PDB file of N, CA and C in Angstrom:
ATOM      1  N   MET A   1     -56.407 -43.987 -37.323  1.00  0.00           N
ATOM      2  CA  MET A   1     -57.774 -44.342 -37.780  1.00  0.00           C
ATOM      3  C   MET A   1     -58.110 -43.515 -39.051  1.00  0.00           C
ATOM      4  N   SER A   2     -58.911 -44.173 -39.829  1.00  0.00           N
ATOM      5  CA  SER A   2     -59.206 -43.541 -41.180  1.00  0.00           C
ATOM      6  C   SER A   2     -60.200 -42.415 -41.040  1.00  0.00           C
ATOM      7  N   GLU A   3     -61.107 -42.456 -39.966  1.00  0.00           N
ATOM      8  CA  GLU A   3     -62.049 -41.323 -39.792  1.00  0.00           C
ATOM      9  C   GLU A   3     -62.425 -41.417 -38.337  1.00  0.00           C
ATOM     10  N   SER A   4     -62.566 -40.349 -37.806  1.00  0.00           N
ATOM     11  CA  SER A   4     -62.824 -40.320 -36.217  1.00  0.00           C
ATOM     12  C   SER A   4     -64.325 -40.629 -36.050  1.00  0.00           C
ATOM     13  N   THR A   5     -64.667 -40.988 -34.883  1.00  0.00           N
ATOM     14  CA  THR A   5     -66.023 -41.314 -34.535  1.00  0.00           C
ATOM     15  C   THR A   5     -67.016 -40.250 -34.701  1.00  0.00           C
ATOM     16  N   ILE A   6     -66.590 -39.022 -34.820  1.00  0.00           N
ATOM     17  CA  ILE A   6     -67.391 -37.884 -35.067  1.00  0.00           C
ATOM     18  C   ILE A   6     -67.417 -37.409 -36.489  1.00  0.00           C
ATOM     19  N   GLY A   7     -66.849 -38.150 -37.405  1.00  0.00           N
ATOM     20  CA  GLY A   7     -67.043 -37.946 -38.850  1.00  0.00           C
ATOM     21  C   GLY A   7     -66.056 -36.934 -39.393  1.00  0.00           C
ATOM     22  N   ILE A   8     -65.035 -36.624 -38.713  1.00  0.00           N
ATOM     23  CA  ILE A   8     -64.061 -35.681 -39.247  1.00  0.00           C
ATOM     24  C   ILE A   8     -62.893 -36.462 -39.923  1.00  0.00           C
ATOM     25  N   PRO A   9     -62.617 -36.344 -41.238  1.00  0.00           N
ATOM     26  CA  PRO A   9     -61.706 -37.151 -41.975  1.00  0.00           C
ATOM     27  C   PRO A   9     -60.266 -36.713 -41.337  1.00  0.00           C
ATOM     28  N   ASP A  10     -59.420 -37.786 -41.317  1.00  0.00           N
ATOM     29  CA  ASP A  10     -58.105 -37.518 -40.740  1.00  0.00           C
ATOM     30  C   ASP A  10     -57.344 -36.333 -41.548  1.00  0.00           C
ATOM     31  N   THR A  11     -57.592 -36.275 -42.841  1.00  0.00           N
ATOM     32  CA  THR A  11     -56.857 -35.363 -43.667  1.00  0.00           C
ATOM     33  C   THR A  11     -57.113 -33.873 -43.224  1.00  0.00           C
ATOM     34  N   VAL A  12     -58.338 -33.619 -42.550  1.00  0.00           N
ATOM     35  CA  VAL A  12     -58.587 -32.234 -42.145  1.00  0.00           C
ATOM     36  C   VAL A  12     -58.773 -32.078 -40.606  1.00  0.00           C
ATOM     37  N   ALA A  13     -58.652 -33.158 -39.995  1.00  0.00           N
ATOM     38  CA  ALA A  13     -59.008 -33.256 -38.493  1.00  0.00           C
ATOM     39  C   ALA A  13     -58.059 -32.331 -37.674  1.00  0.00           C
ATOM     40  N   THR A  14     -56.776 -32.071 -38.136  1.00  0.00           N
ATOM     41  CA  THR A  14     -55.891 -31.265 -37.439  1.00  0.00           C
ATOM     42  C   THR A  14     -55.859 -29.937 -37.786  1.00  0.00           C
ATOM     43  N   GLU A  15     -56.710 -29.475 -38.788  1.00  0.00           N
ATOM     44  CA  GLU A  15     -56.907 -28.147 -39.053  1.00  0.00           C
ATOM     45  C   GLU A  15     -57.204 -27.296 -37.876  1.00  0.00           C
ATOM     46  N   SER A  16     -56.498 -26.152 -37.703  1.00  0.00           N
ATOM     47  CA  SER A  16     -56.731 -25.479 -36.531  1.00  0.00           C
ATOM     48  C   SER A  16     -57.579 -24.113 -36.744  1.00  0.00           C
ATOM     49  N   LEU A  17     -58.340 -23.901 -35.679  1.00  0.00           N
ATOM     50  CA  LEU A  17     -59.164 -22.674 -35.672  1.00  0.00           C
ATOM     51  C   LEU A  17     -59.065 -21.974 -34.347  1.00  0.00           C
ATOM     52  N   SER A  18     -58.956 -20.708 -34.307  1.00  0.00           N
ATOM     53  CA  SER A  18     -58.883 -20.009 -32.967  1.00  0.00           C
ATOM     54  C   SER A  18     -60.317 -19.775 -32.685  1.00  0.00           C
ATOM     55  N   TYR A  19     -60.751 -20.172 -31.322  1.00  0.00           N
ATOM     56  CA  TYR A  19     -61.975 -20.032 -30.852  1.00  0.00           C
ATOM     57  C   TYR A  19     -61.937 -19.664 -29.382  1.00  0.00           C
ATOM     58  N   ALA A  20     -62.567 -18.663 -29.012  1.00  0.00           N
ATOM     59  CA  ALA A  20     -62.625 -18.175 -27.542  1.00  0.00           C
ATOM     60  C   ALA A  20     -61.254 -18.019 -27.023  1.00  0.00           C
ATOM     61  N   GLY A  21     -60.330 -17.466 -27.784  1.00  0.00           N
ATOM     62  CA  GLY A  21     -58.952 -17.296 -27.418  1.00  0.00           C
ATOM     63  C   GLY A  21     -58.051 -18.495 -27.282  1.00  0.00           C
ATOM     64  N   THR A  22     -58.627 -19.694 -27.899  1.00  0.00           N
ATOM     65  CA  THR A  22     -57.826 -20.934 -27.832  1.00  0.00           C
ATOM     66  C   THR A  22     -57.731 -21.551 -29.240  1.00  0.00           C
ATOM     67  N   ASP A  23     -56.697 -22.063 -29.549  1.00  0.00           N
ATOM     68  CA  ASP A  23     -56.546 -22.725 -30.882  1.00  0.00           C
ATOM     69  C   ASP A  23     -56.912 -24.182 -30.586  1.00  0.00           C
ATOM     70  N   MET A  24     -57.909 -24.547 -31.502  1.00  0.00           N
ATOM     71  CA  MET A  24     -58.481 -25.919 -31.404  1.00  0.00           C
ATOM     72  C   MET A  24     -58.455 -26.549 -32.722  1.00  0.00           C
ATOM     73  N   THR A  25     -58.275 -27.942 -32.724  1.00  0.00           N
ATOM     74  CA  THR A  25     -58.456 -28.548 -34.007  1.00  0.00           C
ATOM     75  C   THR A  25     -59.942 -28.777 -34.414  1.00  0.00           C
ATOM     76  N   LEU A  26     -60.112 -29.053 -35.656  1.00  0.00           N
ATOM     77  CA  LEU A  26     -61.563 -29.361 -36.038  1.00  0.00           C
ATOM     78  C   LEU A  26     -62.027 -30.640 -35.290  1.00  0.00           C
ATOM     79  N   ARG A  27     -61.084 -31.598 -34.990  1.00  0.00           N
ATOM     80  CA  ARG A  27     -61.603 -32.752 -34.213  1.00  0.00           C
ATOM     81  C   ARG A  27     -61.973 -32.439 -32.817  1.00  0.00           C
ATOM     82  N   GLU A  28     -61.219 -31.505 -32.213  1.00  0.00           N
ATOM     83  CA  GLU A  28     -61.503 -31.136 -30.789  1.00  0.00           C
ATOM     84  C   GLU A  28     -62.857 -30.325 -30.761  1.00  0.00           C
ATOM     85  N   ILE A  29     -63.030 -29.376 -31.817  1.00  0.00           N
ATOM     86  CA  ILE A  29     -64.330 -28.715 -31.873  1.00  0.00           C
ATOM     87  C   ILE A  29     -65.418 -29.623 -32.066  1.00  0.00           C
ATOM     88  N   ALA A  30     -65.314 -30.633 -32.921  1.00  0.00           N
ATOM     89  CA  ALA A  30     -66.463 -31.577 -33.183  1.00  0.00           C
ATOM     90  C   ALA A  30     -66.721 -32.428 -31.873  1.00  0.00           C
ATOM     91  N   THR A  31     -65.724 -32.698 -31.208  1.00  0.00           N
ATOM     92  CA  THR A  31     -65.846 -33.476 -30.020  1.00  0.00           C
ATOM     93  C   THR A  31     -66.730 -32.556 -28.929  1.00  0.00           C
ATOM     94  N   ASP A  32     -66.192 -31.227 -28.853  1.00  0.00           N
ATOM     95  CA  ASP A  32     -66.886 -30.343 -27.939  1.00  0.00           C
ATOM     96  C   ASP A  32     -68.355 -30.222 -28.290  1.00  0.00           C
ATOM     97  N   LEU A  33     -68.616 -30.161 -29.578  1.00  0.00           N
ATOM     98  CA  LEU A  33     -70.082 -30.084 -30.109  1.00  0.00           C
ATOM     99  C   LEU A  33     -70.841 -31.279 -29.737  1.00  0.00           C
ATOM    100  N   GLN A  34     -70.271 -32.513 -29.893  1.00  0.00           N
ATOM    101  CA  GLN A  34     -70.864 -33.731 -29.688  1.00  0.00           C
ATOM    102  C   GLN A  34     -71.176 -33.753 -28.204  1.00  0.00           C
ATOM    103  N   GLU A  35     -70.396 -33.316 -27.302  1.00  0.00           N
ATOM    104  CA  GLU A  35     -70.568 -33.353 -25.890  1.00  0.00           C
ATOM    105  C   GLU A  35     -71.860 -32.307 -25.496  1.00  0.00           C
ATOM    106  N   ALA A  36     -71.715 -31.215 -26.161  1.00  0.00           N
ATOM    107  CA  ALA A  36     -72.812 -30.290 -26.017  1.00  0.00           C
ATOM    108  C   ALA A  36     -74.213 -30.760 -26.263  1.00  0.00           C
ATOM    109  N   HIS A  37     -74.269 -31.523 -27.498  1.00  0.00           N
ATOM    110  CA  HIS A  37     -75.573 -32.122 -27.904  1.00  0.00           C
ATOM    111  C   HIS A  37     -75.908 -33.166 -26.770  1.00  0.00           C
ATOM    112  N   ARG A  38     -74.965 -33.866 -26.287  1.00  0.00           N
ATOM    113  CA  ARG A  38     -75.292 -34.883 -25.277  1.00  0.00           C
ATOM    114  C   ARG A  38     -75.835 -34.256 -24.049  1.00  0.00           C
ATOM    115  N   GLU A  39     -75.245 -33.152 -23.608  1.00  0.00           N
ATOM    116  CA  GLU A  39     -75.651 -32.392 -22.382  1.00  0.00           C
ATOM    117  C   GLU A  39     -77.121 -31.812 -22.626  1.00  0.00           C
ATOM    118  N   LEU A  40     -77.391 -31.295 -23.852  1.00  0.00           N
ATOM    119  CA  LEU A  40     -78.574 -30.752 -24.090  1.00  0.00           C
ATOM    120  C   LEU A  40     -79.716 -31.853 -24.004  1.00  0.00           C
ATOM    121  N   ASP A  41     -79.433 -33.039 -24.576  1.00  0.00           N
ATOM    122  CA  ASP A  41     -80.325 -34.147 -24.471  1.00  0.00           C
ATOM    123  C   ASP A  41     -80.627 -34.563 -22.963  1.00  0.00           C
ATOM    124  N   GLU A  42     -79.599 -34.449 -22.128  1.00  0.00           N
ATOM    125  CA  GLU A  42     -79.726 -34.719 -20.739  1.00  0.00           C
ATOM    126  C   GLU A  42     -80.604 -33.692 -19.973  1.00  0.00           C
ATOM    127  N   TYR A  43     -80.356 -32.519 -20.325  1.00  0.00           N
ATOM    128  CA  TYR A  43     -81.091 -31.369 -19.779  1.00  0.00           C
ATOM    129  C   TYR A  43     -82.710 -31.589 -20.153  1.00  0.00           C
ATOM    130  N   HIS A  44     -82.832 -31.805 -21.489  1.00  0.00           N
ATOM    131  CA  HIS A  44     -84.172 -32.006 -21.914  1.00  0.00           C
ATOM    132  C   HIS A  44     -84.941 -33.132 -21.234  1.00  0.00           C
ATOM    133  N   SER A  45     -84.236 -34.293 -21.121  1.00  0.00           N
ATOM    134  CA  SER A  45     -84.836 -35.435 -20.385  1.00  0.00           C
ATOM    135  C   SER A  45     -85.068 -35.133 -18.960  1.00  0.00           C
ATOM    136  N   GLY A  46     -84.113 -34.612 -18.278  1.00  0.00           N
ATOM    137  CA  GLY A  46     -84.214 -34.341 -16.805  1.00  0.00           C
ATOM    138  C   GLY A  46     -85.267 -33.260 -16.634  1.00  0.00           C
ATOM    139  N   SER A  47     -85.390 -32.321 -17.432  1.00  0.00           N
ATOM    140  CA  SER A  47     -86.414 -31.286 -17.186  1.00  0.00           C
ATOM    141  C   SER A  47     -87.778 -31.721 -17.414  1.00  0.00           C
ATOM    142  N   LEU A  48     -88.003 -32.667 -18.334  1.00  0.00           N
ATOM    143  CA  LEU A  48     -89.344 -33.330 -18.586  1.00  0.00           C
ATOM    144  C   LEU A  48     -89.710 -34.122 -17.194  1.00  0.00           C
ATOM    145  N   VAL A  49     -88.781 -34.871 -16.655  1.00  0.00           N
ATOM    146  CA  VAL A  49     -89.091 -35.718 -15.565  1.00  0.00           C
ATOM    147  C   VAL A  49     -89.381 -34.632 -14.398  1.00  0.00           C
ATOM    148  N   LEU A  50     -88.595 -33.647 -14.249  1.00  0.00           N
ATOM    149  CA  LEU A  50     -88.633 -32.688 -13.070  1.00  0.00           C
ATOM    150  C   LEU A  50     -90.074 -31.971 -13.291  1.00  0.00           C
ATOM    151  N   ALA A  51     -90.406 -31.591 -14.388  1.00  0.00           N
ATOM    152  CA  ALA A  51     -91.799 -30.899 -14.701  1.00  0.00           C
ATOM    153  C   ALA A  51     -92.948 -31.758 -14.292  1.00  0.00           C
ATOM    154  N   GLN A  52     -92.861 -33.121 -14.547  1.00  0.00           N
ATOM    155  CA  GLN A  52     -93.898 -33.987 -14.230  1.00  0.00           C
ATOM    156  C   GLN A  52     -94.024 -34.223 -12.694  1.00  0.00           C
ATOM    157  N   ASN A  53     -92.846 -34.232 -12.003  1.00  0.00           N
ATOM    158  CA  ASN A  53     -92.835 -34.347 -10.528  1.00  0.00           C
ATOM    159  C   ASN A  53     -93.376 -33.149  -9.891  1.00  0.00           C
ATOM    160  N   LEU A  54     -92.973 -31.990 -10.483  1.00  0.00           N
ATOM    161  CA  LEU A  54     -93.440 -30.663  -9.904  1.00  0.00           C
ATOM    162  C   LEU A  54     -94.985 -30.668 -10.075  1.00  0.00           C
ATOM    163  N   LYS A  55     -95.586 -31.098 -11.278  1.00  0.00           N
ATOM    164  CA  LYS A  55     -96.935 -31.041 -11.534  1.00  0.00           C
ATOM    165  C   LYS A  55     -97.645 -31.874 -10.461  1.00  0.00           C
ATOM    166  N   GLU A  56     -97.187 -33.042 -10.185  1.00  0.00           N
ATOM    167  CA  GLU A  56     -97.758 -33.913  -9.199  1.00  0.00           C
ATOM    168  C   GLU A  56     -97.830 -33.351  -7.868  1.00  0.00           C
ATOM    169  N   LEU A  57     -96.632 -32.676  -7.509  1.00  0.00           N
ATOM    170  CA  LEU A  57     -96.522 -31.904  -6.156  1.00  0.00           C
ATOM    171  C   LEU A  57     -97.575 -30.752  -6.107  1.00  0.00           C
ATOM    172  N   ARG A  58     -97.619 -30.086  -7.248  1.00  0.00           N
ATOM    173  CA  ARG A  58     -98.534 -28.882  -7.271  1.00  0.00           C
ATOM    174  C   ARG A  58     -99.981 -29.442  -7.228  1.00  0.00           C
ATOM    175  N   MET A  59    -100.336 -30.497  -7.824  1.00  0.00           N
ATOM    176  CA  MET A  59    -101.773 -30.933  -7.815  1.00  0.00           C
ATOM    177  C   MET A  59    -102.063 -31.471  -6.327  1.00  0.00           C
ATOM    178  N   LYS A  60    -101.092 -31.985  -5.580  1.00  0.00           N
ATOM    179  CA  LYS A  60    -101.271 -32.427  -4.333  1.00  0.00           C
ATOM    180  C   LYS A  60    -101.433 -31.200  -3.376  1.00  0.00           C
ATOM    181  N   ALA A  61    -100.658 -30.196  -3.618  1.00  0.00           N
ATOM    182  CA  ALA A  61    -100.716 -28.972  -2.816  1.00  0.00           C
ATOM    183  C   ALA A  61    -102.055 -28.301  -3.043  1.00  0.00           C
ATOM    184  N   GLU A  62    -102.531 -28.342  -4.280  1.00  0.00           N
ATOM    185  CA  GLU A  62    -103.850 -27.673  -4.555  1.00  0.00           C
ATOM    186  C   GLU A  62    -104.932 -28.461  -3.779  1.00  0.00           C
ATOM    187  N   ARG A  63    -104.806 -29.943  -3.860  1.00  0.00           N
ATOM    188  CA  ARG A  63    -105.954 -30.679  -3.081  1.00  0.00           C
ATOM    189  C   ARG A  63    -105.883 -30.287  -1.591  1.00  0.00           C
ATOM    190  N   ASP A  64    -104.588 -30.099  -1.074  1.00  0.00           N
ATOM    191  CA  ASP A  64    -104.445 -29.830   0.399  1.00  0.00           C
ATOM    192  C   ASP A  64    -104.835 -28.423   0.707  1.00  0.00           C
ATOM    193  N   GLY A  65    -104.896 -27.549  -0.268  1.00  0.00           N
ATOM    194  CA  GLY A  65    -105.213 -26.075   0.024  1.00  0.00           C
ATOM    195  C   GLY A  65    -104.017 -25.285   0.271  1.00  0.00           C
ATOM    196  N   ASN A  66    -102.795 -25.876   0.023  1.00  0.00           N
ATOM    197  CA  ASN A  66    -101.534 -25.106   0.218  1.00  0.00           C
ATOM    198  C   ASN A  66    -101.153 -24.200  -1.028  1.00  0.00           C
ATOM    199  N   LEU A  67    -101.855 -23.069  -1.059  1.00  0.00           N
ATOM    200  CA  LEU A  67    -101.665 -22.269  -2.147  1.00  0.00           C
ATOM    201  C   LEU A  67    -100.178 -21.782  -2.506  1.00  0.00           C
ATOM    202  N   GLN A  68     -99.459 -21.474  -1.360  1.00  0.00           N
ATOM    203  CA  GLN A  68     -98.091 -20.999  -1.604  1.00  0.00           C
ATOM    204  C   GLN A  68     -97.402 -22.042  -2.153  1.00  0.00           C
ATOM    205  N   LEU A  69     -97.394 -23.359  -1.711  1.00  0.00           N
ATOM    206  CA  LEU A  69     -96.734 -24.469  -2.387  1.00  0.00           C
ATOM    207  C   LEU A  69     -97.203 -24.640  -3.857  1.00  0.00           C
ATOM    208  N   ALA A  70     -98.384 -24.572  -4.028  1.00  0.00           N
ATOM    209  CA  ALA A  70     -99.051 -24.864  -5.427  1.00  0.00           C
ATOM    210  C   ALA A  70     -98.452 -23.735  -6.324  1.00  0.00           C
ATOM    211  N   ASN A  71     -98.535 -22.531  -5.924  1.00  0.00           N
ATOM    212  CA  ASN A  71     -98.007 -21.396  -6.806  1.00  0.00           C
ATOM    213  C   ASN A  71     -96.549 -21.569  -7.066  1.00  0.00           C
ATOM    214  N   THR A  72     -95.728 -21.922  -6.094  1.00  0.00           N
ATOM    215  CA  THR A  72     -94.353 -21.910  -6.259  1.00  0.00           C
ATOM    216  C   THR A  72     -93.990 -23.130  -7.113  1.00  0.00           C
ATOM    217  N   THR A  73     -94.563 -24.282  -6.966  1.00  0.00           N
ATOM    218  CA  THR A  73     -94.320 -25.411  -7.815  1.00  0.00           C
ATOM    219  C   THR A  73     -94.719 -25.210  -9.284  1.00  0.00           C
ATOM    220  N   LYS A  74     -95.884 -24.384  -9.350  1.00  0.00           N
ATOM    221  CA  LYS A  74     -96.399 -24.081 -10.718  1.00  0.00           C
ATOM    222  C   LYS A  74     -95.297 -23.267 -11.524  1.00  0.00           C
ATOM    223  N   GLU A  75     -94.743 -22.233 -10.848  1.00  0.00           N
ATOM    224  CA  GLU A  75     -93.632 -21.487 -11.495  1.00  0.00           C
ATOM    225  C   GLU A  75     -92.399 -22.337 -11.736  1.00  0.00           C
ATOM    226  N   LEU A  76     -92.059 -23.238 -10.904  1.00  0.00           N
ATOM    227  CA  LEU A  76     -90.944 -23.987 -11.215  1.00  0.00           C
ATOM    228  C   LEU A  76     -91.187 -25.066 -12.300  1.00  0.00           C
ATOM    229  N   GLU A  77     -92.414 -25.414 -12.421  1.00  0.00           N
ATOM    230  CA  GLU A  77     -92.867 -26.362 -13.411  1.00  0.00           C
ATOM    231  C   GLU A  77     -92.741 -25.643 -14.800  1.00  0.00           C
ATOM    232  N   GLU A  78     -93.216 -24.348 -14.884  1.00  0.00           N
ATOM    233  CA  GLU A  78     -93.126 -23.604 -16.058  1.00  0.00           C
ATOM    234  C   GLU A  78     -91.687 -23.312 -16.513  1.00  0.00           C
ATOM    235  N   SER A  79     -90.800 -23.223 -15.514  1.00  0.00           N
ATOM    236  CA  SER A  79     -89.461 -23.001 -15.823  1.00  0.00           C
ATOM    237  C   SER A  79     -88.818 -24.213 -16.336  1.00  0.00           C
ATOM    238  N   ALA A  80     -89.175 -25.373 -15.807  1.00  0.00           N
ATOM    239  CA  ALA A  80     -88.662 -26.689 -16.235  1.00  0.00           C
ATOM    240  C   ALA A  80     -89.076 -26.898 -17.695  1.00  0.00           C
ATOM    241  N   MET A  81     -90.417 -26.600 -18.013  1.00  0.00           N
ATOM    242  CA  MET A  81     -90.881 -26.748 -19.301  1.00  0.00           C
ATOM    243  C   MET A  81     -90.186 -25.689 -20.347  1.00  0.00           C
ATOM    244  N   ALA A  82     -89.699 -24.524 -19.800  1.00  0.00           N
ATOM    245  CA  ALA A  82     -89.039 -23.604 -20.619  1.00  0.00           C
ATOM    246  C   ALA A  82     -87.666 -24.148 -21.046  1.00  0.00           C
ATOM    247  N   VAL A  83     -87.047 -24.904 -20.160  1.00  0.00           N
ATOM    248  CA  VAL A  83     -85.811 -25.574 -20.375  1.00  0.00           C
ATOM    249  C   VAL A  83     -86.043 -26.642 -21.513  1.00  0.00           C
ATOM    250  N   VAL A  84     -87.072 -27.362 -21.377  1.00  0.00           N
ATOM    251  CA  VAL A  84     -87.419 -28.300 -22.429  1.00  0.00           C
ATOM    252  C   VAL A  84     -87.562 -27.678 -23.738  1.00  0.00           C
ATOM    253  N   GLU A  85     -88.327 -26.662 -23.896  1.00  0.00           N
ATOM    254  CA  GLU A  85     -88.483 -25.887 -25.131  1.00  0.00           C
ATOM    255  C   GLU A  85     -87.142 -25.309 -25.740  1.00  0.00           C
ATOM    256  N   ARG A  86     -86.353 -24.772 -24.752  1.00  0.00           N
ATOM    257  CA  ARG A  86     -85.021 -24.150 -25.325  1.00  0.00           C
ATOM    258  C   ARG A  86     -84.141 -25.205 -25.740  1.00  0.00           C
ATOM    259  N   SER A  87     -84.125 -26.401 -25.216  1.00  0.00           N
ATOM    260  CA  SER A  87     -83.306 -27.535 -25.487  1.00  0.00           C
ATOM    261  C   SER A  87     -83.655 -28.196 -26.892  1.00  0.00           C
ATOM    262  N   ARG A  88     -84.834 -27.747 -27.294  1.00  0.00           N
ATOM    263  CA  ARG A  88     -85.269 -28.398 -28.722  1.00  0.00           C
ATOM    264  C   ARG A  88     -85.331 -27.244 -29.764  1.00  0.00           C
ATOM    265  N   GLU A  89     -84.884 -26.098 -29.462  1.00  0.00           N
ATOM    266  CA  GLU A  89     -84.948 -24.969 -30.476  1.00  0.00           C
ATOM    267  C   GLU A  89     -83.742 -25.288 -31.473  1.00  0.00           C
TER     268      GLU A  89
END
């Protein structure tokens, strides 16, 4: 192929770099980074959905007077939103 799907020209794709005690080519590194970006996007989306579901459960718990459940879901909701924020830094 003239250029990989991750934009590494064939002329340098096999250049090697030692990373975390392992020799990897630039193409392998770019592929790993591409996967990491995909996983971060999945964490971001999943955490947004989870935060919304937790918010709904918290609001129901508050209406029902279940303060223990309301407080617990509030903490989990805040944690889910922290994941969202970290995934966008």
